[in-house]
Amino acid sequence: MKRIDLERKLRIAGCYLKREGASHSLWMNPKDGSIEAVPRHNEIKEPLAKKILKNLKVE
């Protein structure tokens, strides 16, 4: 999955970018306070993208 597509899904679900790290971006779901690191690669493997979406309670 493209990182841009993953970030779009996160924004639509109400998540926002908390901060930028050296190699990861931290995204937060304000509904429950969960935080997840998203790597800054152009392409993110499907299992990792699904894990990120699941941990942030998206979908």
PDB file of N, CA and C in Angstrom:
ATOM      1  N   MET A   1       0.850  -1.164   0.000  1.00  0.00           N
ATOM      2  CA  MET A   1       0.000   0.000   0.000  1.00  0.00           C
ATOM      3  C   MET A   1       0.905   1.240   0.000  1.00  0.00           C
ATOM      4  N   LYS A   2       0.528   2.222  -0.765  1.00  0.00           N
ATOM      5  CA  LYS A   2       1.272   3.473  -0.783  1.00  0.00           C
ATOM      6  C   LYS A   2       1.054   4.205   0.544  1.00  0.00           C
ATOM      7  N   ARG A   3       2.098   4.851   1.038  1.00  0.00           N
ATOM      8  CA  ARG A   3       1.995   5.583   2.304  1.00  0.00           C
ATOM      9  C   ARG A   3       0.949   6.690   2.208  1.00  0.00           C
ATOM     10  N   ILE A   4       0.859   7.332   1.064  1.00  0.00           N
ATOM     11  CA  ILE A   4      -0.111   8.414   0.865  1.00  0.00           C
ATOM     12  C   ILE A   4      -1.533   7.879   1.029  1.00  0.00           C
ATOM     13  N   ASP A   5      -1.803   6.675   0.496  1.00  0.00           N
ATOM     14  CA  ASP A   5      -3.131   6.070   0.628  1.00  0.00           C
ATOM     15  C   ASP A   5      -3.435   5.724   2.084  1.00  0.00           C
ATOM     16  N   LEU A   6      -2.440   5.216   2.798  1.00  0.00           N
ATOM     17  CA  LEU A   6      -2.620   4.887   4.210  1.00  0.00           C
ATOM     18  C   LEU A   6      -2.913   6.152   5.010  1.00  0.00           C
ATOM     19  N   GLU A   7      -2.152   7.221   4.760  1.00  0.00           N
ATOM     20  CA  GLU A   7      -2.377   8.468   5.484  1.00  0.00           C
ATOM     21  C   GLU A   7      -3.749   9.051   5.168  1.00  0.00           C
ATOM     22  N   ARG A   8      -4.199   8.889   3.939  1.00  0.00           N
ATOM     23  CA  ARG A   8      -5.530   9.371   3.559  1.00  0.00           C
ATOM     24  C   ARG A   8      -6.605   8.633   4.361  1.00  0.00           C
ATOM     25  N   LYS A   9      -6.465   7.306   4.485  1.00  0.00           N
ATOM     26  CA  LYS A   9      -7.417   6.521   5.271  1.00  0.00           C
ATOM     27  C   LYS A   9      -7.426   6.968   6.731  1.00  0.00           C
ATOM     28  N   LEU A  10      -6.238   7.245   7.266  1.00  0.00           N
ATOM     29  CA  LEU A  10      -6.149   7.676   8.655  1.00  0.00           C
ATOM     30  C   LEU A  10      -6.828   9.022   8.856  1.00  0.00           C
ATOM     31  N   ARG A  11      -6.614   9.952   7.928  1.00  0.00           N
ATOM     32  CA  ARG A  11      -7.241  11.277   8.055  1.00  0.00           C
ATOM     33  C   ARG A  11      -8.759  11.187   7.947  1.00  0.00           C
ATOM     34  N   ILE A  12      -9.252  10.383   7.029  1.00  0.00           N
ATOM     35  CA  ILE A  12     -10.699  10.218   6.863  1.00  0.00           C
ATOM     36  C   ILE A  12     -11.320   9.662   8.140  1.00  0.00           C
ATOM     37  N   ALA A  13     -10.582   8.796   8.841  1.00  0.00           N
ATOM     38  CA  ALA A  13     -11.093   8.186  10.073  1.00  0.00           C
ATOM     39  C   ALA A  13     -10.979   9.129  11.271  1.00  0.00           C
ATOM     40  N   GLY A  14     -10.374  10.303  11.077  1.00  0.00           N
ATOM     41  CA  GLY A  14     -10.283  11.265  12.164  1.00  0.00           C
ATOM     42  C   GLY A  14      -8.949  11.275  12.883  1.00  0.00           C
ATOM     43  N   CYS A  15      -8.001  10.458  12.440  1.00  0.00           N
ATOM     44  CA  CYS A  15      -6.673  10.450  13.059  1.00  0.00           C
ATOM     45  C   CYS A  15      -5.885  11.659  12.568  1.00  0.00           C
ATOM     46  N   TYR A  16      -4.887  12.042  13.341  1.00  0.00           N
ATOM     47  CA  TYR A  16      -4.051  13.159  12.929  1.00  0.00           C
ATOM     48  C   TYR A  16      -2.589  12.867  13.231  1.00  0.00           C
ATOM     49  N   LEU A  17      -1.718  13.600  12.530  1.00  0.00           N
ATOM     50  CA  LEU A  17      -0.282  13.447  12.679  1.00  0.00           C
ATOM     51  C   LEU A  17       0.152  14.140  13.956  1.00  0.00           C
ATOM     52  N   LYS A  18       0.687  13.371  14.900  1.00  0.00           N
ATOM     53  CA  LYS A  18       1.108  13.934  16.181  1.00  0.00           C
ATOM     54  C   LYS A  18       2.485  14.585  16.055  1.00  0.00           C
ATOM     55  N   ARG A  19       3.458  13.840  15.479  1.00  0.00           N
ATOM     56  CA  ARG A  19       4.790  14.412  15.268  1.00  0.00           C
ATOM     57  C   ARG A  19       5.558  13.571  14.262  1.00  0.00           C
ATOM     58  N   GLU A  20       6.607  14.174  13.730  1.00  0.00           N
ATOM     59  CA  GLU A  20       7.501  13.505  12.791  1.00  0.00           C
ATOM     60  C   GLU A  20       8.756  13.072  13.533  1.00  0.00           C
ATOM     61  N   GLY A  21       9.164  11.840  13.350  1.00  0.00           N
ATOM     62  CA  GLY A  21      10.412  11.356  13.914  1.00  0.00           C
ATOM     63  C   GLY A  21      11.457  11.275  12.817  1.00  0.00           C
ATOM     64  N   ALA A  22      12.573  10.647  13.111  1.00  0.00           N
ATOM     65  CA  ALA A  22      13.649  10.532  12.129  1.00  0.00           C
ATOM     66  C   ALA A  22      13.256   9.628  10.965  1.00  0.00           C
ATOM     67  N   SER A  23      12.627   8.490  11.286  1.00  0.00           N
ATOM     68  CA  SER A  23      12.262   7.553  10.220  1.00  0.00           C
ATOM     69  C   SER A  23      10.799   7.130  10.280  1.00  0.00           C
ATOM     70  N   HIS A  24      10.053   7.636  11.271  1.00  0.00           N
ATOM     71  CA  HIS A  24       8.641   7.297  11.413  1.00  0.00           C
ATOM     72  C   HIS A  24       7.832   8.553  11.710  1.00  0.00           C
ATOM     73  N   SER A  25       6.552   8.470  11.408  1.00  0.00           N
ATOM     74  CA  SER A  25       5.603   9.515  11.770  1.00  0.00           C
ATOM     75  C   SER A  25       4.663   8.922  12.804  1.00  0.00           C
ATOM     76  N   LEU A  26       4.348   9.668  13.846  1.00  0.00           N
ATOM     77  CA  LEU A  26       3.433   9.181  14.866  1.00  0.00           C
ATOM     78  C   LEU A  26       2.037   9.720  14.599  1.00  0.00           C
ATOM     79  N   TRP A  27       1.088   8.808  14.460  1.00  0.00           N
ATOM     80  CA  TRP A  27      -0.307   9.156  14.218  1.00  0.00           C
ATOM     81  C   TRP A  27      -1.118   8.831  15.453  1.00  0.00           C
ATOM     82  N   MET A  28      -2.116   9.650  15.735  1.00  0.00           N
ATOM     83  CA  MET A  28      -2.929   9.475  16.932  1.00  0.00           C
ATOM     84  C   MET A  28      -4.408   9.459  16.569  1.00  0.00           C
ATOM     85  N   ASN A  29      -5.144   8.579  17.241  1.00  0.00           N
ATOM     86  CA  ASN A  29      -6.598   8.543  17.122  1.00  0.00           C
ATOM     87  C   ASN A  29      -7.149   9.254  18.354  1.00  0.00           C
ATOM     88  N   PRO A  30      -7.733  10.453  18.203  1.00  0.00           N
ATOM     89  CA  PRO A  30      -8.195  11.212  19.367  1.00  0.00           C
ATOM     90  C   PRO A  30      -9.392  10.579  20.078  1.00  0.00           C
ATOM     91  N   LYS A  31     -10.085   9.662  19.420  1.00  0.00           N
ATOM     92  CA  LYS A  31     -11.262   9.034  20.033  1.00  0.00           C
ATOM     93  C   LYS A  31     -10.883   8.169  21.223  1.00  0.00           C
ATOM     94  N   ASP A  32      -9.760   7.455  21.115  1.00  0.00           N
ATOM     95  CA  ASP A  32      -9.347   6.575  22.211  1.00  0.00           C
ATOM     96  C   ASP A  32      -7.909   6.830  22.678  1.00  0.00           C
ATOM     97  N   GLY A  33      -7.209   7.744  22.026  1.00  0.00           N
ATOM     98  CA  GLY A  33      -5.856   8.095  22.453  1.00  0.00           C
ATOM     99  C   GLY A  33      -4.768   7.152  21.983  1.00  0.00           C
ATOM    100  N   SER A  34      -5.088   6.221  21.092  1.00  0.00           N
ATOM    101  CA  SER A  34      -4.069   5.282  20.625  1.00  0.00           C
ATOM    102  C   SER A  34      -3.105   5.978  19.667  1.00  0.00           C
ATOM    103  N   ILE A  35      -1.840   5.590  19.758  1.00  0.00           N
ATOM    104  CA  ILE A  35      -0.772   6.165  18.930  1.00  0.00           C
ATOM    105  C   ILE A  35      -0.065   5.029  18.207  1.00  0.00           C
ATOM    106  N   GLU A  36       0.259   5.261  16.943  1.00  0.00           N
ATOM    107  CA  GLU A  36       0.937   4.234  16.142  1.00  0.00           C
ATOM    108  C   GLU A  36       1.996   4.893  15.273  1.00  0.00           C
ATOM    109  N   ALA A  37       3.135   4.231  15.126  1.00  0.00           N
ATOM    110  CA  ALA A  37       4.220   4.718  14.278  1.00  0.00           C
ATOM    111  C   ALA A  37       4.012   4.219  12.851  1.00  0.00           C
ATOM    112  N   VAL A  38       4.126   5.133  11.908  1.00  0.00           N
ATOM    113  CA  VAL A  38       4.001   4.801  10.490  1.00  0.00           C
ATOM    114  C   VAL A  38       5.347   5.097   9.829  1.00  0.00           C
ATOM    115  N   PRO A  39       5.986   4.081   9.237  1.00  0.00           N
ATOM    116  CA  PRO A  39       7.292   4.319   8.598  1.00  0.00           C
ATOM    117  C   PRO A  39       7.156   5.257   7.403  1.00  0.00           C
ATOM    118  N   ARG A  40       8.219   5.983   7.120  1.00  0.00           N
ATOM    119  CA  ARG A  40       8.178   6.933   6.014  1.00  0.00           C
ATOM    120  C   ARG A  40       8.776   6.343   4.747  1.00  0.00           C
ATOM    121  N   HIS A  41       8.329   5.153   4.386  1.00  0.00           N
ATOM    122  CA  HIS A  41       8.703   4.536   3.117  1.00  0.00           C
ATOM    123  C   HIS A  41       7.596   4.861   2.123  1.00  0.00           C
ATOM    124  N   ASN A  42       7.935   4.901   0.855  1.00  0.00           N
ATOM    125  CA  ASN A  42       6.902   5.158  -0.154  1.00  0.00           C
ATOM    126  C   ASN A  42       5.897   4.023  -0.203  1.00  0.00           C
ATOM    127  N   GLU A  43       6.368   2.823  -0.027  1.00  0.00           N
ATOM    128  CA  GLU A  43       5.517   1.636  -0.092  1.00  0.00           C
ATOM    129  C   GLU A  43       5.564   0.934   1.260  1.00  0.00           C
ATOM    130  N   ILE A  44       4.385   0.682   1.842  1.00  0.00           N
ATOM    131  CA  ILE A  44       4.286  -0.023   3.120  1.00  0.00           C
ATOM    132  C   ILE A  44       3.626  -1.371   2.843  1.00  0.00           C
ATOM    133  N   LYS A  45       4.231  -2.442   3.339  1.00  0.00           N
ATOM    134  CA  LYS A  45       3.699  -3.780   3.078  1.00  0.00           C
ATOM    135  C   LYS A  45       2.306  -3.930   3.685  1.00  0.00           C
ATOM    136  N   GLU A  46       1.466  -4.717   3.008  1.00  0.00           N
ATOM    137  CA  GLU A  46       0.063  -4.882   3.406  1.00  0.00           C
ATOM    138  C   GLU A  46      -0.123  -5.329   4.850  1.00  0.00           C
ATOM    139  N   PRO A  47       0.613  -6.345   5.340  1.00  0.00           N
ATOM    140  CA  PRO A  47       0.392  -6.761   6.730  1.00  0.00           C
ATOM    141  C   PRO A  47       0.665  -5.630   7.730  1.00  0.00           C
ATOM    142  N   LEU A  48       1.684  -4.826   7.485  1.00  0.00           N
ATOM    143  CA  LEU A  48       1.993  -3.717   8.372  1.00  0.00           C
ATOM    144  C   LEU A  48       0.920  -2.640   8.284  1.00  0.00           C
ATOM    145  N   ALA A  49       0.448  -2.346   7.084  1.00  0.00           N
ATOM    146  CA  ALA A  49      -0.611  -1.345   6.918  1.00  0.00           C
ATOM    147  C   ALA A  49      -1.884  -1.786   7.645  1.00  0.00           C
ATOM    148  N   LYS A  50      -2.227  -3.065   7.544  1.00  0.00           N
ATOM    149  CA  LYS A  50      -3.413  -3.582   8.238  1.00  0.00           C
ATOM    150  C   LYS A  50      -3.244  -3.505   9.748  1.00  0.00           C
ATOM    151  N   LYS A  51      -2.027  -3.775  10.240  1.00  0.00           N
ATOM    152  CA  LYS A  51      -1.758  -3.700  11.677  1.00  0.00           C
ATOM    153  C   LYS A  51      -1.924  -2.268  12.176  1.00  0.00           C
ATOM    154  N   ILE A  52      -1.405  -1.309  11.418  1.00  0.00           N
ATOM    155  CA  ILE A  52      -1.512   0.098  11.792  1.00  0.00           C
ATOM    156  C   ILE A  52      -2.978   0.517  11.847  1.00  0.00           C
ATOM    157  N   LEU A  53      -3.737   0.150  10.827  1.00  0.00           N
ATOM    158  CA  LEU A  53      -5.165   0.498  10.789  1.00  0.00           C
ATOM    159  C   LEU A  53      -5.919  -0.164  11.938  1.00  0.00           C
ATOM    160  N   LYS A  54      -5.581  -1.407  12.238  1.00  0.00           N
ATOM    161  CA  LYS A  54      -6.253  -2.118  13.326  1.00  0.00           C
ATOM    162  C   LYS A  54      -5.930  -1.479  14.678  1.00  0.00           C
ATOM    163  N   ASN A  55      -4.662  -1.154  14.916  1.00  0.00           N
ATOM    164  CA  ASN A  55      -4.260  -0.580  16.198  1.00  0.00           C
ATOM    165  C   ASN A  55      -4.851   0.812  16.418  1.00  0.00           C
ATOM    166  N   LEU A  56      -5.098   1.551  15.323  1.00  0.00           N
ATOM    167  CA  LEU A  56      -5.709   2.865  15.447  1.00  0.00           C
ATOM    168  C   LEU A  56      -7.229   2.786  15.333  1.00  0.00           C
ATOM    169  N   LYS A  57      -7.744   1.570  15.252  1.00  0.00           N
ATOM    170  CA  LYS A  57      -9.186   1.316  15.182  1.00  0.00           C
ATOM    171  C   LYS A  57      -9.855   2.031  14.013  1.00  0.00           C
ATOM    172  N   VAL A  58      -9.251   1.858  12.837  1.00  0.00           N
ATOM    173  CA  VAL A  58      -9.774   2.404  11.596  1.00  0.00           C
ATOM    174  C   VAL A  58     -10.388   1.250  10.815  1.00  0.00           C
ATOM    175  N   GLU A  59     -11.478   1.470  10.123  1.00  0.00           N
ATOM    176  CA  GLU A  59     -12.213   0.502   9.281  1.00  0.00           C
ATOM    177  C   GLU A  59     -13.224  -0.268  10.030  1.00  0.00           C
TER     178      GLU A  59
END
